[in-house]
PDB file of N, CA and C in Angstrom:
ATOM      1  N   MET A   1       5.267   4.737   0.189  1.00  0.00           N
ATOM      2  CA  MET A   1       5.407   6.042  -0.272  1.00  0.00           C
ATOM      3  C   MET A   1       4.177   6.835   0.186  1.00  0.00           C
ATOM      4  N   SER A   2       4.241   8.076   0.203  1.00  0.00           N
ATOM      5  CA  SER A   2       3.093   8.942   0.713  1.00  0.00           C
ATOM      6  C   SER A   2       2.428   9.618  -0.478  1.00  0.00           C
ATOM      7  N   LEU A   3       1.202   9.697  -0.365  1.00  0.00           N
ATOM      8  CA  LEU A   3       0.330  10.486  -1.321  1.00  0.00           C
ATOM      9  C   LEU A   3      -0.253  11.651  -0.546  1.00  0.00           C
ATOM     10  N   GLY A   4       0.454  12.060   0.561  1.00  0.00           N
ATOM     11  CA  GLY A   4      -0.120  13.089   1.393  1.00  0.00           C
ATOM     12  C   GLY A   4      -0.937  12.645   2.554  1.00  0.00           C
ATOM     13  N   ALA A   5      -2.189  12.586   2.269  1.00  0.00           N
ATOM     14  CA  ALA A   5      -3.081  12.167   3.254  1.00  0.00           C
ATOM     15  C   ALA A   5      -3.338  10.661   3.524  1.00  0.00           C
ATOM     16  N   PHE A   6      -2.656   9.854   2.604  1.00  0.00           N
ATOM     17  CA  PHE A   6      -2.730   8.419   2.666  1.00  0.00           C
ATOM     18  C   PHE A   6      -1.464   7.833   2.035  1.00  0.00           C
ATOM     19  N   PRO A   7      -1.191   6.562   2.447  1.00  0.00           N
ATOM     20  CA  PRO A   7      -0.003   5.837   1.952  1.00  0.00           C
ATOM     21  C   PRO A   7      -0.279   5.042   0.679  1.00  0.00           C
ATOM     22  N   ALA A   8       0.751   4.542   0.072  1.00  0.00           N
ATOM     23  CA  ALA A   8       0.672   3.662  -1.023  1.00  0.00           C
ATOM     24  C   ALA A   8       1.851   2.665  -1.093  1.00  0.00           C
ATOM     25  N   MET A   9       1.648   1.606  -1.876  1.00  0.00           N
ATOM     26  CA  MET A   9       2.654   0.596  -2.023  1.00  0.00           C
ATOM     27  C   MET A   9       2.797   0.357  -3.705  1.00  0.00           C
ATOM     28  N   ILE A  10       3.989   0.025  -4.053  1.00  0.00           N
ATOM     29  CA  ILE A  10       4.110  -0.486  -5.396  1.00  0.00           C
ATOM     30  C   ILE A  10       4.758  -1.827  -5.434  1.00  0.00           C
ATOM     31  N   ALA A  11       4.552  -2.618  -6.496  1.00  0.00           N
ATOM     32  CA  ALA A  11       5.103  -3.836  -6.518  1.00  0.00           C
ATOM     33  C   ALA A  11       6.621  -3.755  -6.740  1.00  0.00           C
ATOM     34  N   GLY A  12       7.357  -4.747  -6.250  1.00  0.00           N
ATOM     35  CA  GLY A  12       8.674  -4.703  -6.399  1.00  0.00           C
ATOM     36  C   GLY A  12       9.575  -3.873  -5.569  1.00  0.00           C
ATOM     37  N   GLY A  13       8.894  -3.323  -4.549  1.00  0.00           N
ATOM     38  CA  GLY A  13       9.724  -2.380  -3.660  1.00  0.00           C
ATOM     39  C   GLY A  13      10.736  -3.157  -2.830  1.00  0.00           C
ATOM     40  N   ARG A  14      11.624  -2.379  -2.174  1.00  0.00           N
ATOM     41  CA  ARG A  14      12.671  -2.967  -1.345  1.00  0.00           C
ATOM     42  C   ARG A  14      12.499  -2.835   0.078  1.00  0.00           C
ATOM     43  N   THR A  15      11.459  -2.097   0.454  1.00  0.00           N
ATOM     44  CA  THR A  15      11.137  -1.841   1.848  1.00  0.00           C
ATOM     45  C   THR A  15      10.082  -2.614   2.434  1.00  0.00           C
ATOM     46  N   ALA A  16      10.312  -3.289   3.555  1.00  0.00           N
ATOM     47  CA  ALA A  16       9.149  -3.965   4.246  1.00  0.00           C
ATOM     48  C   ALA A  16       8.254  -2.851   4.739  1.00  0.00           C
ATOM     49  N   VAL A  17       6.900  -3.205   4.577  1.00  0.00           N
ATOM     50  CA  VAL A  17       5.846  -2.292   4.981  1.00  0.00           C
ATOM     51  C   VAL A  17       5.120  -2.737   6.242  1.00  0.00           C
ATOM     52  N   VAL A  18       4.915  -1.748   7.126  1.00  0.00           N
ATOM     53  CA  VAL A  18       4.152  -2.041   8.379  1.00  0.00           C
ATOM     54  C   VAL A  18       2.706  -1.964   7.960  1.00  0.00           C
ATOM     55  N   GLY A  19       1.971  -2.987   8.504  1.00  0.00           N
ATOM     56  CA  GLY A  19       0.566  -2.879   8.199  1.00  0.00           C
ATOM     57  C   GLY A  19      -0.229  -3.934   8.885  1.00  0.00           C
ATOM     58  N   GLU A  20      -1.591  -4.022   8.691  1.00  0.00           N
ATOM     59  CA  GLU A  20      -2.412  -5.062   9.318  1.00  0.00           C
ATOM     60  C   GLU A  20      -3.156  -5.765   8.208  1.00  0.00           C
ATOM     61  N   VAL A  21      -3.570  -6.984   8.576  1.00  0.00           N
ATOM     62  CA  VAL A  21      -4.247  -7.926   7.625  1.00  0.00           C
ATOM     63  C   VAL A  21      -5.563  -8.227   8.290  1.00  0.00           C
ATOM     64  N   TYR A  22      -6.587  -8.135   7.457  1.00  0.00           N
ATOM     65  CA  TYR A  22      -7.945  -8.412   7.892  1.00  0.00           C
ATOM     66  C   TYR A  22      -8.632  -9.551   6.930  1.00  0.00           C
ATOM     67  N   GLU A  23      -9.348 -10.429   7.593  1.00  0.00           N
ATOM     68  CA  GLU A  23     -10.208 -11.356   6.800  1.00  0.00           C
ATOM     69  C   GLU A  23     -11.475 -10.697   6.558  1.00  0.00           C
ATOM     70  N   ILE A  24     -11.978 -10.549   5.366  1.00  0.00           N
ATOM     71  CA  ILE A  24     -13.224  -9.874   5.087  1.00  0.00           C
ATOM     72  C   ILE A  24     -14.059 -10.771   4.107  1.00  0.00           C
ATOM     73  N   ASP A  25     -15.333 -10.442   4.074  1.00  0.00           N
ATOM     74  CA  ASP A  25     -16.248 -11.229   3.264  1.00  0.00           C
ATOM     75  C   ASP A  25     -16.368 -10.498   1.869  1.00  0.00           C
ATOM     76  N   PRO A  26     -17.012 -11.223   0.852  1.00  0.00           N
ATOM     77  CA  PRO A  26     -16.964 -10.645  -0.528  1.00  0.00           C
ATOM     78  C   PRO A  26     -17.781  -9.276  -0.551  1.00  0.00           C
ATOM     79  N   VAL A  27     -18.735  -9.037   0.197  1.00  0.00           N
ATOM     80  CA  VAL A  27     -19.493  -7.779   0.221  1.00  0.00           C
ATOM     81  C   VAL A  27     -18.489  -6.622   0.613  1.00  0.00           C
ATOM     82  N   THR A  28     -17.661  -6.846   1.656  1.00  0.00           N
ATOM     83  CA  THR A  28     -16.811  -5.832   2.214  1.00  0.00           C
ATOM     84  C   THR A  28     -15.702  -5.689   1.209  1.00  0.00           C
ATOM     85  N   LEU A  29     -15.182  -6.788   0.520  1.00  0.00           N
ATOM     86  CA  LEU A  29     -14.146  -6.551  -0.424  1.00  0.00           C
ATOM     87  C   LEU A  29     -14.638  -5.737  -1.656  1.00  0.00           C
ATOM     88  N   ALA A  30     -15.899  -5.908  -2.004  1.00  0.00           N
ATOM     89  CA  ALA A  30     -16.495  -5.068  -3.098  1.00  0.00           C
ATOM     90  C   ALA A  30     -16.522  -3.529  -2.672  1.00  0.00           C
ATOM     91  N   ALA A  31     -16.908  -3.320  -1.350  1.00  0.00           N
ATOM     92  CA  ALA A  31     -16.903  -1.934  -0.892  1.00  0.00           C
ATOM     93  C   ALA A  31     -15.552  -1.364  -0.892  1.00  0.00           C
ATOM     94  N   LEU A  32     -14.531  -2.155  -0.459  1.00  0.00           N
ATOM     95  CA  LEU A  32     -13.203  -1.581  -0.384  1.00  0.00           C
ATOM     96  C   LEU A  32     -12.672  -1.409  -1.788  1.00  0.00           C
ATOM     97  N   ASP A  33     -13.016  -2.146  -2.782  1.00  0.00           N
ATOM     98  CA  ASP A  33     -12.626  -2.039  -4.203  1.00  0.00           C
ATOM     99  C   ASP A  33     -13.193  -0.614  -4.565  1.00  0.00           C
ATOM    100  N   ARG A  34     -14.405  -0.258  -4.288  1.00  0.00           N
ATOM    101  CA  ARG A  34     -14.947   1.006  -4.699  1.00  0.00           C
ATOM    102  C   ARG A  34     -14.216   2.079  -3.997  1.00  0.00           C
ATOM    103  N   LEU A  35     -13.974   1.991  -2.661  1.00  0.00           N
ATOM    104  CA  LEU A  35     -13.197   2.986  -1.888  1.00  0.00           C
ATOM    105  C   LEU A  35     -11.889   3.263  -2.490  1.00  0.00           C
ATOM    106  N   GLU A  36     -11.201   2.210  -2.784  1.00  0.00           N
ATOM    107  CA  GLU A  36      -9.767   2.344  -3.191  1.00  0.00           C
ATOM    108  C   GLU A  36      -9.712   2.609  -4.685  1.00  0.00           C
ATOM    109  N   GLY A  37     -10.778   2.629  -5.402  1.00  0.00           N
ATOM    110  CA  GLY A  37     -10.724   2.972  -6.857  1.00  0.00           C
ATOM    111  C   GLY A  37     -10.214   1.901  -7.699  1.00  0.00           C
ATOM    112  N   HIS A  38     -10.389   0.597  -7.232  1.00  0.00           N
ATOM    113  CA  HIS A  38     -10.010  -0.609  -7.997  1.00  0.00           C
ATOM    114  C   HIS A  38     -10.912  -0.805  -9.156  1.00  0.00           C
ATOM    115  N   PRO A  39     -10.399  -0.955 -10.344  1.00  0.00           N
ATOM    116  CA  PRO A  39      -9.077  -1.038 -10.806  1.00  0.00           C
ATOM    117  C   PRO A  39      -8.538   0.111 -11.470  1.00  0.00           C
ATOM    118  N   ARG A  40      -9.286   1.236 -11.269  1.00  0.00           N
ATOM    119  CA  ARG A  40      -8.783   2.495 -12.065  1.00  0.00           C
ATOM    120  C   ARG A  40      -7.644   3.163 -11.247  1.00  0.00           C
ATOM    121  N   PHE A  41      -7.649   3.222  -9.963  1.00  0.00           N
ATOM    122  CA  PHE A  41      -6.497   3.845  -9.256  1.00  0.00           C
ATOM    123  C   PHE A  41      -5.652   2.849  -8.641  1.00  0.00           C
ATOM    124  N   TYR A  42      -5.971   2.223  -7.563  1.00  0.00           N
ATOM    125  CA  TYR A  42      -5.162   1.048  -6.952  1.00  0.00           C
ATOM    126  C   TYR A  42      -5.583  -0.225  -7.657  1.00  0.00           C
ATOM    127  N   GLN A  43      -4.619  -1.038  -7.777  1.00  0.00           N
ATOM    128  CA  GLN A  43      -4.840  -2.384  -8.340  1.00  0.00           C
ATOM    129  C   GLN A  43      -4.781  -3.407  -7.152  1.00  0.00           C
ATOM    130  N   ARG A  44      -5.770  -4.199  -6.987  1.00  0.00           N
ATOM    131  CA  ARG A  44      -5.836  -5.212  -5.933  1.00  0.00           C
ATOM    132  C   ARG A  44      -5.010  -6.253  -6.440  1.00  0.00           C
ATOM    133  N   THR A  45      -3.945  -6.613  -5.697  1.00  0.00           N
ATOM    134  CA  THR A  45      -2.888  -7.485  -6.168  1.00  0.00           C
ATOM    135  C   THR A  45      -2.498  -8.472  -4.951  1.00  0.00           C
ATOM    136  N   ALA A  46      -2.211  -9.611  -5.238  1.00  0.00           N
ATOM    137  CA  ALA A  46      -1.676 -10.639  -4.184  1.00  0.00           C
ATOM    138  C   ALA A  46      -0.199 -10.315  -4.046  1.00  0.00           C
ATOM    139  N   ILE A  47       0.145 -10.212  -2.633  1.00  0.00           N
ATOM    140  CA  ILE A  47       1.464 -10.024  -2.206  1.00  0.00           C
ATOM    141  C   ILE A  47       1.885 -11.077  -1.198  1.00  0.00           C
ATOM    142  N   ARG A  48       3.134 -11.352  -1.078  1.00  0.00           N
ATOM    143  CA  ARG A  48       3.630 -12.262  -0.098  1.00  0.00           C
ATOM    144  C   ARG A  48       4.155 -11.646   1.120  1.00  0.00           C
ATOM    145  N   LEU A  49       3.726 -12.083   2.267  1.00  0.00           N
ATOM    146  CA  LEU A  49       4.142 -11.537   3.523  1.00  0.00           C
ATOM    147  C   LEU A  49       5.432 -12.190   4.063  1.00  0.00           C
ATOM    148  N   GLU A  50       6.034 -11.583   5.000  1.00  0.00           N
ATOM    149  CA  GLU A  50       7.322 -12.098   5.501  1.00  0.00           C
ATOM    150  C   GLU A  50       7.317 -13.578   5.967  1.00  0.00           C
ATOM    151  N   ASP A  51       6.169 -14.027   6.489  1.00  0.00           N
ATOM    152  CA  ASP A  51       5.935 -15.434   6.892  1.00  0.00           C
ATOM    153  C   ASP A  51       5.613 -16.368   5.774  1.00  0.00           C
ATOM    154  N   GLY A  52       5.599 -15.808   4.540  1.00  0.00           N
ATOM    155  CA  GLY A  52       5.256 -16.603   3.398  1.00  0.00           C
ATOM    156  C   GLY A  52       3.681 -16.646   2.979  1.00  0.00           C
ATOM    157  N   ASP A  53       2.910 -16.211   3.870  1.00  0.00           N
ATOM    158  CA  ASP A  53       1.479 -16.154   3.507  1.00  0.00           C
ATOM    159  C   ASP A  53       1.262 -15.154   2.395  1.00  0.00           C
ATOM    160  N   GLU A  54       0.181 -15.390   1.574  1.00  0.00           N
ATOM    161  CA  GLU A  54      -0.178 -14.403   0.604  1.00  0.00           C
ATOM    162  C   GLU A  54      -1.475 -13.857   0.892  1.00  0.00           C
ATOM    163  N   VAL A  55      -1.514 -12.543   0.701  1.00  0.00           N
ATOM    164  CA  VAL A  55      -2.684 -11.743   0.956  1.00  0.00           C
ATOM    165  C   VAL A  55      -2.963 -10.649  -0.190  1.00  0.00           C
ATOM    166  N   LEU A  56      -4.158 -10.090  -0.167  1.00  0.00           N
ATOM    167  CA  LEU A  56      -4.444  -9.099  -1.110  1.00  0.00           C
ATOM    168  C   LEU A  56      -4.161  -7.758  -0.599  1.00  0.00           C
ATOM    169  N   ALA A  57      -3.596  -6.857  -1.455  1.00  0.00           N
ATOM    170  CA  ALA A  57      -3.266  -5.524  -1.033  1.00  0.00           C
ATOM    171  C   ALA A  57      -3.569  -4.664  -2.276  1.00  0.00           C
ATOM    172  N   TYR A  58      -3.716  -3.356  -2.018  1.00  0.00           N
ATOM    173  CA  TYR A  58      -3.956  -2.311  -3.197  1.00  0.00           C
ATOM    174  C   TYR A  58      -2.655  -1.714  -3.520  1.00  0.00           C
ATOM    175  N   LEU A  59      -2.279  -1.802  -4.632  1.00  0.00           N
ATOM    176  CA  LEU A  59      -0.923  -1.212  -5.151  1.00  0.00           C
ATOM    177  C   LEU A  59      -1.147  -0.145  -6.183  1.00  0.00           C
ATOM    178  N   LEU A  60      -0.199   0.820  -6.216  1.00  0.00           N
ATOM    179  CA  LEU A  60      -0.168   1.726  -7.283  1.00  0.00           C
ATOM    180  C   LEU A  60       0.816   1.242  -8.375  1.00  0.00           C
ATOM    181  N   SER A  61       0.623   1.744  -9.628  1.00  0.00           N
ATOM    182  CA  SER A  61       1.666   1.402 -10.536  1.00  0.00           C
ATOM    183  C   SER A  61       2.842   2.204 -10.444  1.00  0.00           C
ATOM    184  N   PRO A  62       3.970   1.787 -10.875  1.00  0.00           N
ATOM    185  CA  PRO A  62       5.229   2.608 -10.796  1.00  0.00           C
ATOM    186  C   PRO A  62       5.047   4.046 -11.468  1.00  0.00           C
ATOM    187  N   GLU A  63       4.254   4.118 -12.576  1.00  0.00           N
ATOM    188  CA  GLU A  63       4.031   5.340 -13.198  1.00  0.00           C
ATOM    189  C   GLU A  63       3.331   6.296 -12.241  1.00  0.00           C
ATOM    190  N   GLN A  64       2.270   5.826 -11.534  1.00  0.00           N
ATOM    191  CA  GLN A  64       1.486   6.679 -10.488  1.00  0.00           C
ATOM    192  C   GLN A  64       2.406   7.059  -9.421  1.00  0.00           C
ATOM    193  N   ALA A  65       3.313   6.307  -9.112  1.00  0.00           N
ATOM    194  CA  ALA A  65       4.174   6.570  -7.855  1.00  0.00           C
ATOM    195  C   ALA A  65       5.373   7.490  -8.194  1.00  0.00           C
ATOM    196  N   ARG A  66       5.693   7.614  -9.431  1.00  0.00           N
ATOM    197  CA  ARG A  66       6.847   8.415  -9.828  1.00  0.00           C
ATOM    198  C   ARG A  66       6.745   9.841  -9.223  1.00  0.00           C
ATOM    199  N   GLY A  67       7.796  10.280  -8.613  1.00  0.00           N
ATOM    200  CA  GLY A  67       7.891  11.627  -8.013  1.00  0.00           C
ATOM    201  C   GLY A  67       7.219  11.719  -6.650  1.00  0.00           C
ATOM    202  N   ARG A  68       6.667  10.615  -6.092  1.00  0.00           N
ATOM    203  CA  ARG A  68       6.169  10.634  -4.820  1.00  0.00           C
ATOM    204  C   ARG A  68       7.284  10.381  -3.775  1.00  0.00           C
ATOM    205  N   ASN A  69       6.988  10.832  -2.497  1.00  0.00           N
ATOM    206  CA  ASN A  69       7.972  10.643  -1.405  1.00  0.00           C
ATOM    207  C   ASN A  69       7.949   9.180  -0.932  1.00  0.00           C
ATOM    208  N   ARG A  70       9.071   8.634  -0.894  1.00  0.00           N
ATOM    209  CA  ARG A  70       9.358   7.257  -0.269  1.00  0.00           C
ATOM    210  C   ARG A  70       9.344   7.403   1.298  1.00  0.00           C
ATOM    211  N   ILE A  71       8.747   6.344   1.888  1.00  0.00           N
ATOM    212  CA  ILE A  71       8.850   6.331   3.368  1.00  0.00           C
ATOM    213  C   ILE A  71       9.857   5.250   3.717  1.00  0.00           C
ATOM    214  N   PRO A  72      11.056   5.575   4.031  1.00  0.00           N
ATOM    215  CA  PRO A  72      12.125   4.623   4.186  1.00  0.00           C
ATOM    216  C   PRO A  72      11.855   3.677   5.325  1.00  0.00           C
ATOM    217  N   SER A  73      11.165   4.034   6.423  1.00  0.00           N
ATOM    218  CA  SER A  73      10.843   3.046   7.515  1.00  0.00           C
ATOM    219  C   SER A  73       9.792   2.097   7.105  1.00  0.00           C
ATOM    220  N   GLY A  74       8.980   2.357   6.065  1.00  0.00           N
ATOM    221  CA  GLY A  74       7.926   1.473   5.698  1.00  0.00           C
ATOM    222  C   GLY A  74       6.628   1.675   6.630  1.00  0.00           C
ATOM    223  N   ASP A  75       6.765   2.568   7.611  1.00  0.00           N
ATOM    224  CA  ASP A  75       5.718   2.828   8.481  1.00  0.00           C
ATOM    225  C   ASP A  75       5.032   4.180   8.263  1.00  0.00           C
ATOM    226  N   TRP A  76       3.942   4.226   7.582  1.00  0.00           N
ATOM    227  CA  TRP A  76       3.358   5.561   7.245  1.00  0.00           C
ATOM    228  C   TRP A  76       2.916   6.315   8.450  1.00  0.00           C
ATOM    229  N   THR A  77       2.653   5.615   9.623  1.00  0.00           N
ATOM    230  CA  THR A  77       2.267   6.272  10.825  1.00  0.00           C
ATOM    231  C   THR A  77       3.387   6.795  11.698  1.00  0.00           C
ATOM    232  N   ASP A  78       4.631   6.517  11.209  1.00  0.00           N
ATOM    233  CA  ASP A  78       5.813   6.866  11.906  1.00  0.00           C
ATOM    234  C   ASP A  78       5.854   8.479  12.087  1.00  0.00           C
ATOM    235  N   ALA A  79       5.965   8.919  13.321  1.00  0.00           N
ATOM    236  CA  ALA A  79       5.905  10.391  13.633  1.00  0.00           C
ATOM    237  C   ALA A  79       6.992  11.165  12.853  1.00  0.00           C
ATOM    238  N   ASP A  80       8.065  10.486  12.684  1.00  0.00           N
ATOM    239  CA  ASP A  80       9.261  11.137  12.062  1.00  0.00           C
ATOM    240  C   ASP A  80       9.316  10.978  10.548  1.00  0.00           C
ATOM    241  N   ARG A  81       8.320  10.470   9.932  1.00  0.00           N
ATOM    242  CA  ARG A  81       8.357  10.111   8.553  1.00  0.00           C
ATOM    243  C   ARG A  81       8.654  11.268   7.650  1.00  0.00           C
ATOM    244  N   LYS A  82       8.088  12.512   7.993  1.00  0.00           N
ATOM    245  CA  LYS A  82       8.246  13.700   7.027  1.00  0.00           C
ATOM    246  C   LYS A  82       9.652  14.059   7.079  1.00  0.00           C
ATOM    247  N   GLU A  83      10.416  13.854   8.091  1.00  0.00           N
ATOM    248  CA  GLU A  83      11.754  14.305   8.209  1.00  0.00           C
ATOM    249  C   GLU A  83      12.762  13.372   7.434  1.00  0.00           C
ATOM    250  N   ASN A  84      12.292  12.070   7.210  1.00  0.00           N
ATOM    251  CA  ASN A  84      13.061  10.981   6.630  1.00  0.00           C
ATOM    252  C   ASN A  84      12.709  10.748   5.207  1.00  0.00           C
ATOM    253  N   TRP A  85      11.780  11.466   4.559  1.00  0.00           N
ATOM    254  CA  TRP A  85      11.418  11.160   3.145  1.00  0.00           C
ATOM    255  C   TRP A  85      12.593  11.469   2.239  1.00  0.00           C
ATOM    256  N   ARG A  86      12.582  10.605   1.224  1.00  0.00           N
ATOM    257  CA  ARG A  86      13.639  10.826   0.187  1.00  0.00           C
ATOM    258  C   ARG A  86      12.908  10.776  -1.146  1.00  0.00           C
TER     259      ARG A  86
END
């Protein structure tokens, strides 16, 4: 889903999300937690990837996401995303 200038995911969604995975150290993780507002805004949560690996991602609660535009393609960078929002 889109929050305008940036994307968001919620747990239990039905759309595969396009993204990148990085291995980071604890200092960088702490800096990302501050940037993403964890745990007050985004919640850092373990998610399972298509290949079965588990990684950490920042998720919004369903309540925070209510009323936001869904990105059906799962690709926030998709040039046509604004035309396809529901």
